[in-house]
Amino acid sequence: MSDAAQPTAAEVRAAAEAVKTALDRHLAAVERRAGEDDPAVYEAFNELAAAAEVYDELLYDRYDEVTPFEIPGAEDSLPPYTGPEEPNALSVLIRRDYAVAEPHRLLAQAQRIEAAEDEGTEAAGTVHGALGILFGEFEADEIASRHKEFGLEEGDSTLWVLAADEPAEPGEWLETPFEQADPQRVVCRFDVSAVFDDLEDDDEDGEDGDGEDGDEEDLVADLEDVDDVEDEDLDGDLEPLDADRR
């Protein structure tokens, strides 16, 4: 970056002040939290993340330095919520990914459904046709809960809840159902991914210290101590127990 394009010291200072202000607002929102999913806390978190990201970029551009802070999901976080404070309607967008792990199981389920309905078609003989039968017969939530029965393996999934001013007219968005997914109207979202499990496993491994090897060495040492006990110590008279001992 050229010197002419670099931010000024005053701009970096202003960004730092914006982070302080956003931090105070976030703490105030947390202190006034009204329930687990308080939108005010969510909005304050996003504002803090955005302010921190701006400051980090300006600090790096001006001084070639970075902050020691990392806000989870800051790079992929949604923009601040700008929808209605009291939504009159909601849109729920769901994406679930699956892998066809066991095609034979999928085909068998589709053929069973086809036989029960006595339709006499050959759609169940292909994976493409079997998927059409399966998703036509069962609700998406039931498939999610029974995916192993159908030979499917879960991948990533996400659920977005968007606020709307008014309910959509019948058929209004059917041709482009996801085109109007405005990130600034997302009330909340829930993500499921194996990558989160990997991160938790890495954290647990880092906290183990010496890990299982150290525990195994301690166990071996304890066993060796037991082997060193002389037989006469085991054969000696046992002392009577104290009657008051608990």
C-alpha atoms as a PDB file:
ATOM      1  CA  MET A   1       0.000   0.000   0.000  1.00  0.00           C
ATOM      2  CA  SER A   2       1.337   3.427  -0.901  1.00  0.00           C
ATOM      3  CA  ASP A   3       1.918   6.107   1.718  1.00  0.00           C
ATOM      4  CA  ALA A   4      -0.817   8.265   0.163  1.00  0.00           C
ATOM      5  CA  ALA A   5      -3.396   5.498   0.717  1.00  0.00           C
ATOM      6  CA  GLN A   6      -2.432   4.815   4.296  1.00  0.00           C
ATOM      7  CA  PRO A   7      -4.879   5.851   7.026  1.00  0.00           C
ATOM      8  CA  THR A   8      -3.873   8.764   9.208  1.00  0.00           C
ATOM      9  CA  ALA A   9      -2.979   8.459  12.867  1.00  0.00           C
ATOM     10  CA  ALA A  10      -6.201  10.317  13.662  1.00  0.00           C
ATOM     11  CA  GLU A  11      -8.246   7.721  11.767  1.00  0.00           C
ATOM     12  CA  VAL A  12      -6.607   4.899  13.704  1.00  0.00           C
ATOM     13  CA  ARG A  13      -7.264   6.742  16.960  1.00  0.00           C
ATOM     14  CA  ALA A  14     -10.907   7.294  15.988  1.00  0.00           C
ATOM     15  CA  ALA A  15     -11.280   3.574  15.203  1.00  0.00           C
ATOM     16  CA  ALA A  16      -9.829   2.720  18.611  1.00  0.00           C
ATOM     17  CA  GLU A  17     -12.365   5.035  20.281  1.00  0.00           C
ATOM     18  CA  ALA A  18     -15.135   3.336  18.288  1.00  0.00           C
ATOM     19  CA  VAL A  19     -14.034  -0.031  19.699  1.00  0.00           C
ATOM     20  CA  LYS A  20     -14.175   1.375  23.238  1.00  0.00           C
ATOM     21  CA  THR A  21     -17.666   2.728  22.653  1.00  0.00           C
ATOM     22  CA  ALA A  22     -18.846  -0.556  21.120  1.00  0.00           C
ATOM     23  CA  LEU A  23     -17.343  -2.456  24.047  1.00  0.00           C
ATOM     24  CA  ASP A  24     -19.259  -0.329  26.547  1.00  0.00           C
ATOM     25  CA  ARG A  25     -22.479  -0.820  24.593  1.00  0.00           C
ATOM     26  CA  HIS A  26     -21.952  -4.567  24.439  1.00  0.00           C
ATOM     27  CA  LEU A  27     -21.402  -4.797  28.196  1.00  0.00           C
ATOM     28  CA  ALA A  28     -24.482  -2.657  28.853  1.00  0.00           C
ATOM     29  CA  ALA A  29     -26.577  -4.895  26.575  1.00  0.00           C
ATOM     30  CA  VAL A  30     -25.320  -8.004  28.363  1.00  0.00           C
ATOM     31  CA  GLU A  31     -26.127  -6.482  31.751  1.00  0.00           C
ATOM     32  CA  ARG A  32     -29.675  -5.720  30.568  1.00  0.00           C
ATOM     33  CA  ARG A  33     -30.094  -9.044  28.780  1.00  0.00           C
ATOM     34  CA  ALA A  34     -33.750 -10.066  28.454  1.00  0.00           C
ATOM     35  CA  GLY A  35     -33.520 -13.782  27.801  1.00  0.00           C
ATOM     36  CA  GLU A  36     -30.960 -16.056  26.191  1.00  0.00           C
ATOM     37  CA  ASP A  37     -31.568 -14.810  22.637  1.00  0.00           C
ATOM     38  CA  ASP A  38     -31.885 -11.104  23.365  1.00  0.00           C
ATOM     39  CA  PRO A  39     -31.549  -9.333  19.979  1.00  0.00           C
ATOM     40  CA  ALA A  40     -29.989  -6.285  21.684  1.00  0.00           C
ATOM     41  CA  VAL A  41     -27.039  -8.426  22.803  1.00  0.00           C
ATOM     42  CA  TYR A  42     -26.739  -9.947  19.338  1.00  0.00           C
ATOM     43  CA  GLU A  43     -26.739  -6.521  17.721  1.00  0.00           C
ATOM     44  CA  ALA A  44     -24.187  -5.153  20.205  1.00  0.00           C
ATOM     45  CA  PHE A  45     -21.943  -8.153  19.548  1.00  0.00           C
ATOM     46  CA  ASN A  46     -22.030  -7.550  15.797  1.00  0.00           C
ATOM     47  CA  GLU A  47     -21.292  -3.850  16.271  1.00  0.00           C
ATOM     48  CA  LEU A  48     -18.328  -4.692  18.492  1.00  0.00           C
ATOM     49  CA  ALA A  49     -17.052  -7.237  15.956  1.00  0.00           C
ATOM     50  CA  ALA A  50     -17.353  -4.736  13.109  1.00  0.00           C
ATOM     51  CA  ALA A  51     -15.616  -1.964  15.066  1.00  0.00           C
ATOM     52  CA  ALA A  52     -12.793  -4.295  16.101  1.00  0.00           C
ATOM     53  CA  GLU A  53     -12.297  -5.444  12.517  1.00  0.00           C
ATOM     54  CA  VAL A  54     -12.054  -1.857  11.244  1.00  0.00           C
ATOM     55  CA  TYR A  55      -9.575  -0.953  13.953  1.00  0.00           C
ATOM     56  CA  ASP A  56      -7.471  -4.025  13.267  1.00  0.00           C
ATOM     57  CA  GLU A  57      -7.284  -3.216   9.544  1.00  0.00           C
ATOM     58  CA  LEU A  58      -6.390   0.446  10.072  1.00  0.00           C
ATOM     59  CA  LEU A  59      -3.813  -0.438  12.708  1.00  0.00           C
ATOM     60  CA  TYR A  60      -2.141  -2.865  10.331  1.00  0.00           C
ATOM     61  CA  ASP A  61      -2.239  -0.481   7.369  1.00  0.00           C
ATOM     62  CA  ARG A  62      -0.785   2.401   9.376  1.00  0.00           C
ATOM     63  CA  TYR A  63       1.643   0.709  11.763  1.00  0.00           C
ATOM     64  CA  ASP A  64       1.984  -2.867  10.439  1.00  0.00           C
ATOM     65  CA  GLU A  65       0.623  -4.125  13.772  1.00  0.00           C
ATOM     66  CA  VAL A  66      -2.310  -6.355  14.715  1.00  0.00           C
ATOM     67  CA  THR A  67      -4.471  -6.682  17.803  1.00  0.00           C
ATOM     68  CA  PRO A  68      -4.251  -9.695  20.140  1.00  0.00           C
ATOM     69  CA  PHE A  69      -8.014 -10.075  20.099  1.00  0.00           C
ATOM     70  CA  GLU A  70     -10.021 -12.553  18.070  1.00  0.00           C
ATOM     71  CA  ILE A  71     -13.816 -12.383  18.082  1.00  0.00           C
ATOM     72  CA  PRO A  72     -15.297 -15.797  17.162  1.00  0.00           C
ATOM     73  CA  GLY A  73     -16.787 -15.717  13.700  1.00  0.00           C
ATOM     74  CA  ALA A  74     -15.955 -12.045  13.161  1.00  0.00           C
ATOM     75  CA  GLU A  75     -14.927 -12.631   9.540  1.00  0.00           C
ATOM     76  CA  ASP A  76     -18.161 -14.432   8.722  1.00  0.00           C
ATOM     77  CA  SER A  77     -20.500 -12.613  11.101  1.00  0.00           C
ATOM     78  CA  LEU A  78     -23.691 -11.094   9.831  1.00  0.00           C
ATOM     79  CA  PRO A  79     -24.005  -7.322   9.490  1.00  0.00           C
ATOM     80  CA  PRO A  80     -25.901  -5.393  12.193  1.00  0.00           C
ATOM     81  CA  TYR A  81     -29.622  -6.130  12.271  1.00  0.00           C
ATOM     82  CA  THR A  82     -31.698  -3.439  10.548  1.00  0.00           C
ATOM     83  CA  GLY A  83     -35.072  -5.177  10.397  1.00  0.00           C
ATOM     84  CA  PRO A  84     -38.236  -4.243  12.279  1.00  0.00           C
ATOM     85  CA  GLU A  85     -38.066  -4.198  16.066  1.00  0.00           C
ATOM     86  CA  GLU A  86     -41.363  -6.093  16.246  1.00  0.00           C
ATOM     87  CA  PRO A  87     -41.537  -8.359  13.171  1.00  0.00           C
ATOM     88  CA  ASN A  88     -45.001  -9.183  11.890  1.00  0.00           C
ATOM     89  CA  ALA A  89     -43.775 -12.178   9.885  1.00  0.00           C
ATOM     90  CA  LEU A  90     -40.828 -14.569   9.739  1.00  0.00           C
ATOM     91  CA  SER A  91     -39.040 -16.562   7.065  1.00  0.00           C
ATOM     92  CA  VAL A  92     -37.085 -19.652   8.144  1.00  0.00           C
ATOM     93  CA  LEU A  93     -34.364 -20.713   5.704  1.00  0.00           C
ATOM     94  CA  ILE A  94     -32.811 -24.134   6.216  1.00  0.00           C
ATOM     95  CA  ARG A  95     -29.961 -25.846   4.436  1.00  0.00           C
ATOM     96  CA  ARG A  96     -28.863 -29.391   5.280  1.00  0.00           C
ATOM     97  CA  ASP A  97     -26.160 -31.235   3.341  1.00  0.00           C
ATOM     98  CA  TYR A  98     -26.047 -35.021   3.067  1.00  0.00           C
ATOM     99  CA  ALA A  99     -23.776 -37.576   1.441  1.00  0.00           C
ATOM    100  CA  VAL A 100     -25.270 -40.755  -0.009  1.00  0.00           C
ATOM    101  CA  ALA A 101     -23.167 -43.087   2.120  1.00  0.00           C
ATOM    102  CA  GLU A 102     -25.088 -46.329   1.528  1.00  0.00           C
ATOM    103  CA  PRO A 103     -26.908 -46.301  -1.842  1.00  0.00           C
ATOM    104  CA  HIS A 104     -28.242 -49.826  -1.338  1.00  0.00           C
ATOM    105  CA  ARG A 105     -30.017 -48.760   1.851  1.00  0.00           C
ATOM    106  CA  LEU A 106     -31.458 -45.703   0.107  1.00  0.00           C
ATOM    107  CA  LEU A 107     -32.719 -47.813  -2.821  1.00  0.00           C
ATOM    108  CA  ALA A 108     -34.234 -50.395  -0.483  1.00  0.00           C
ATOM    109  CA  GLN A 109     -36.176 -47.738   1.418  1.00  0.00           C
ATOM    110  CA  ALA A 110     -37.448 -46.166  -1.798  1.00  0.00           C
ATOM    111  CA  GLN A 111     -38.520 -49.553  -3.179  1.00  0.00           C
ATOM    112  CA  ARG A 112     -40.372 -50.304   0.057  1.00  0.00           C
ATOM    113  CA  ILE A 113     -42.264 -46.999  -0.189  1.00  0.00           C
ATOM    114  CA  GLU A 114     -43.018 -47.593  -3.865  1.00  0.00           C
ATOM    115  CA  ALA A 115     -44.282 -51.102  -3.192  1.00  0.00           C
ATOM    116  CA  ALA A 116     -46.521 -49.900  -0.375  1.00  0.00           C
ATOM    117  CA  GLU A 117     -48.081 -47.280  -2.626  1.00  0.00           C
ATOM    118  CA  ASP A 118     -48.380 -49.809  -5.474  1.00  0.00           C
ATOM    119  CA  GLU A 119     -47.430 -47.238  -8.085  1.00  0.00           C
ATOM    120  CA  GLY A 120     -45.547 -49.685 -10.283  1.00  0.00           C
ATOM    121  CA  THR A 121     -42.903 -47.211 -11.465  1.00  0.00           C
ATOM    122  CA  GLU A 122     -39.160 -47.815 -11.711  1.00  0.00           C
ATOM    123  CA  ALA A 123     -38.067 -44.577 -10.019  1.00  0.00           C
ATOM    124  CA  ALA A 124     -36.802 -46.470  -6.988  1.00  0.00           C
ATOM    125  CA  GLY A 125     -34.215 -48.248  -9.126  1.00  0.00           C
ATOM    126  CA  THR A 126     -31.915 -45.202  -9.349  1.00  0.00           C
ATOM    127  CA  VAL A 127     -30.381 -42.993  -6.671  1.00  0.00           C
ATOM    128  CA  HIS A 128     -31.879 -39.911  -8.305  1.00  0.00           C
ATOM    129  CA  GLY A 129     -35.348 -41.429  -8.336  1.00  0.00           C
ATOM    130  CA  ALA A 130     -34.972 -42.868  -4.829  1.00  0.00           C
ATOM    131  CA  LEU A 131     -34.125 -39.438  -3.424  1.00  0.00           C
ATOM    132  CA  GLY A 132     -37.227 -37.995  -5.057  1.00  0.00           C
ATOM    133  CA  ILE A 133     -39.397 -40.697  -3.497  1.00  0.00           C
ATOM    134  CA  LEU A 134     -37.771 -40.323  -0.085  1.00  0.00           C
ATOM    135  CA  PHE A 135     -38.109 -36.541   0.154  1.00  0.00           C
ATOM    136  CA  GLY A 136     -41.605 -36.711  -1.315  1.00  0.00           C
ATOM    137  CA  GLU A 137     -42.734 -39.175   1.341  1.00  0.00           C
ATOM    138  CA  PHE A 138     -41.127 -37.737   4.490  1.00  0.00           C
ATOM    139  CA  GLU A 139     -40.816 -34.281   5.999  1.00  0.00           C
ATOM    140  CA  ALA A 140     -37.304 -32.803   5.968  1.00  0.00           C
ATOM    141  CA  ASP A 141     -37.122 -32.900   9.779  1.00  0.00           C
ATOM    142  CA  GLU A 142     -37.992 -36.603   9.827  1.00  0.00           C
ATOM    143  CA  ILE A 143     -35.305 -37.351   7.263  1.00  0.00           C
ATOM    144  CA  ALA A 144     -32.830 -35.401   9.403  1.00  0.00           C
ATOM    145  CA  SER A 145     -33.673 -37.518  12.452  1.00  0.00           C
ATOM    146  CA  ARG A 146     -33.668 -40.815  10.522  1.00  0.00           C
ATOM    147  CA  HIS A 147     -30.949 -40.117   7.953  1.00  0.00           C
ATOM    148  CA  LYS A 148     -28.940 -43.255   8.828  1.00  0.00           C
ATOM    149  CA  GLU A 149     -31.951 -45.444   8.055  1.00  0.00           C
ATOM    150  CA  PHE A 150     -32.004 -43.954   4.573  1.00  0.00           C
ATOM    151  CA  GLY A 151     -28.294 -44.449   3.915  1.00  0.00           C
ATOM    152  CA  LEU A 152     -27.447 -40.769   4.274  1.00  0.00           C
ATOM    153  CA  GLU A 153     -24.577 -39.145   6.139  1.00  0.00           C
ATOM    154  CA  GLU A 154     -24.997 -35.676   7.637  1.00  0.00           C
ATOM    155  CA  GLY A 155     -22.845 -32.766   6.489  1.00  0.00           C
ATOM    156  CA  ASP A 156     -23.034 -29.104   7.467  1.00  0.00           C
ATOM    157  CA  SER A 157     -26.382 -27.490   8.194  1.00  0.00           C
ATOM    158  CA  THR A 158     -27.618 -23.987   8.937  1.00  0.00           C
ATOM    159  CA  LEU A 159     -30.901 -22.378   9.923  1.00  0.00           C
ATOM    160  CA  TRP A 160     -31.628 -18.663   9.465  1.00  0.00           C
ATOM    161  CA  VAL A 161     -34.608 -16.841  10.946  1.00  0.00           C
ATOM    162  CA  LEU A 162     -35.368 -13.627   9.028  1.00  0.00           C
ATOM    163  CA  ALA A 163     -37.750 -10.882  10.109  1.00  0.00           C
ATOM    164  CA  ALA A 164     -40.286  -9.459   7.667  1.00  0.00           C
ATOM    165  CA  ASP A 165     -42.635  -6.493   7.783  1.00  0.00           C
ATOM    166  CA  GLU A 166     -45.554  -8.391   6.279  1.00  0.00           C
ATOM    167  CA  PRO A 167     -46.240 -11.999   5.319  1.00  0.00           C
ATOM    168  CA  ALA A 168     -45.436 -12.781   1.691  1.00  0.00           C
ATOM    169  CA  GLU A 169     -48.249 -13.241  -0.782  1.00  0.00           C
ATOM    170  CA  PRO A 170     -48.980 -16.851  -1.809  1.00  0.00           C
ATOM    171  CA  GLY A 171     -46.557 -17.900  -4.539  1.00  0.00           C
ATOM    172  CA  GLU A 172     -44.638 -14.619  -4.323  1.00  0.00           C
ATOM    173  CA  TRP A 173     -41.169 -16.087  -3.845  1.00  0.00           C
ATOM    174  CA  LEU A 174     -41.521 -19.660  -5.077  1.00  0.00           C
ATOM    175  CA  GLU A 175     -39.426 -19.120  -8.223  1.00  0.00           C
ATOM    176  CA  THR A 176     -36.514 -17.606  -6.260  1.00  0.00           C
ATOM    177  CA  PRO A 177     -36.979 -18.758  -2.654  1.00  0.00           C
ATOM    178  CA  PHE A 178     -33.564 -17.687  -1.339  1.00  0.00           C
ATOM    179  CA  GLU A 179     -32.960 -14.533  -3.346  1.00  0.00           C
ATOM    180  CA  GLN A 180     -34.473 -12.243  -0.709  1.00  0.00           C
ATOM    181  CA  ALA A 181     -32.381 -13.548   2.189  1.00  0.00           C
ATOM    182  CA  ASP A 182     -31.219 -10.165   3.483  1.00  0.00           C
ATOM    183  CA  PRO A 183     -28.429 -10.773   6.077  1.00  0.00           C
ATOM    184  CA  GLN A 184     -29.401  -7.546   7.848  1.00  0.00           C
ATOM    185  CA  ARG A 185     -32.811  -9.007   8.657  1.00  0.00           C
ATOM    186  CA  VAL A 186     -31.499 -12.197  10.270  1.00  0.00           C
ATOM    187  CA  VAL A 187     -32.881 -12.393  13.799  1.00  0.00           C
ATOM    188  CA  CYS A 188     -30.793 -15.444  14.692  1.00  0.00           C
ATOM    189  CA  ARG A 189     -28.981 -18.317  13.021  1.00  0.00           C
ATOM    190  CA  PHE A 190     -27.846 -21.765  14.082  1.00  0.00           C
ATOM    191  CA  ASP A 191     -24.976 -23.623  12.398  1.00  0.00           C
ATOM    192  CA  VAL A 192     -23.900 -27.255  12.711  1.00  0.00           C
ATOM    193  CA  SER A 193     -20.565 -28.414  11.297  1.00  0.00           C
ATOM    194  CA  ALA A 194     -17.928 -31.019  12.039  1.00  0.00           C
ATOM    195  CA  VAL A 195     -15.358 -28.227  11.950  1.00  0.00           C
ATOM    196  CA  PHE A 196     -16.659 -27.050  15.333  1.00  0.00           C
ATOM    197  CA  ASP A 197     -16.037 -30.513  16.793  1.00  0.00           C
ATOM    198  CA  ASP A 198     -12.483 -30.440  15.427  1.00  0.00           C
ATOM    199  CA  LEU A 199     -11.837 -27.096  17.121  1.00  0.00           C
ATOM    200  CA  GLU A 200     -13.134 -28.424  20.452  1.00  0.00           C
ATOM    201  CA  ASP A 201     -10.946 -31.520  20.131  1.00  0.00           C
ATOM    202  CA  ASP A 202      -7.886 -29.325  19.480  1.00  0.00           C
ATOM    203  CA  ASP A 203      -8.653 -27.274  22.595  1.00  0.00           C
ATOM    204  CA  GLU A 204      -9.014 -30.393  24.718  1.00  0.00           C
ATOM    205  CA  ASP A 205      -5.734 -31.815  23.404  1.00  0.00           C
ATOM    206  CA  GLY A 206      -3.969 -28.579  24.260  1.00  0.00           C
ATOM    207  CA  GLU A 207      -5.219 -28.687  27.848  1.00  0.00           C
ATOM    208  CA  ASP A 208      -4.052 -32.244  28.496  1.00  0.00           C
ATOM    209  CA  GLY A 209      -0.438 -31.288  29.089  1.00  0.00           C
ATOM    210  CA  ASP A 210       1.569 -34.517  29.107  1.00  0.00           C
ATOM    211  CA  GLY A 211      -1.518 -36.376  27.871  1.00  0.00           C
ATOM    212  CA  GLU A 212      -2.298 -40.042  28.376  1.00  0.00           C
ATOM    213  CA  ASP A 213       1.350 -41.118  28.225  1.00  0.00           C
ATOM    214  CA  GLY A 214       2.071 -39.356  31.505  1.00  0.00           C
ATOM    215  CA  ASP A 215      -0.904 -41.034  33.192  1.00  0.00           C
ATOM    216  CA  GLU A 216       0.240 -44.438  31.908  1.00  0.00           C
ATOM    217  CA  GLU A 217       3.741 -43.924  33.317  1.00  0.00           C
ATOM    218  CA  ASP A 218       2.286 -43.042  36.724  1.00  0.00           C
ATOM    219  CA  LEU A 219       0.171 -46.199  36.680  1.00  0.00           C
ATOM    220  CA  VAL A 220       3.187 -48.385  35.844  1.00  0.00           C
ATOM    221  CA  ALA A 221       5.158 -46.785  38.681  1.00  0.00           C
ATOM    222  CA  ASP A 222       2.319 -47.490  41.133  1.00  0.00           C
ATOM    223  CA  LEU A 223       2.174 -51.135  40.064  1.00  0.00           C
ATOM    224  CA  GLU A 224       5.925 -51.489  40.533  1.00  0.00           C
ATOM    225  CA  ASP A 225       5.593 -50.109  44.062  1.00  0.00           C
ATOM    226  CA  VAL A 226       2.997 -52.786  44.808  1.00  0.00           C
ATOM    227  CA  ASP A 227       5.314 -55.517  43.495  1.00  0.00           C
ATOM    228  CA  ASP A 228       8.064 -54.293  45.828  1.00  0.00           C
ATOM    229  CA  VAL A 229       5.974 -54.987  48.916  1.00  0.00           C
ATOM    230  CA  GLU A 230       7.510 -57.975  50.760  1.00  0.00           C
ATOM    231  CA  ASP A 231       5.408 -61.033  51.311  1.00  0.00           C
ATOM    232  CA  GLU A 232       5.990 -60.839  55.035  1.00  0.00           C
ATOM    233  CA  ASP A 233       4.272 -57.473  55.109  1.00  0.00           C
ATOM    234  CA  LEU A 234       1.210 -59.093  53.586  1.00  0.00           C
ATOM    235  CA  ASP A 235       1.375 -62.153  55.885  1.00  0.00           C
ATOM    236  CA  GLY A 236       1.767 -60.152  59.096  1.00  0.00           C
ATOM    237  CA  ASP A 237      -0.932 -59.679  61.662  1.00  0.00           C
ATOM    238  CA  LEU A 238      -3.533 -57.136  60.685  1.00  0.00           C
ATOM    239  CA  GLU A 239      -4.154 -54.327  63.107  1.00  0.00           C
ATOM    240  CA  PRO A 240      -7.720 -54.148  64.429  1.00  0.00           C
ATOM    241  CA  LEU A 241      -9.859 -51.443  62.940  1.00  0.00           C
ATOM    242  CA  ASP A 242     -10.760 -48.475  65.055  1.00  0.00           C
ATOM    243  CA  ALA A 243     -14.430 -48.815  65.940  1.00  0.00           C
ATOM    244  CA  ASP A 244     -14.984 -45.090  65.589  1.00  0.00           C
ATOM    245  CA  ARG A 245     -13.442 -44.897  62.130  1.00  0.00           C
ATOM    246  CA  ARG A 246     -15.822 -43.905  59.350  1.00  0.00           C
END
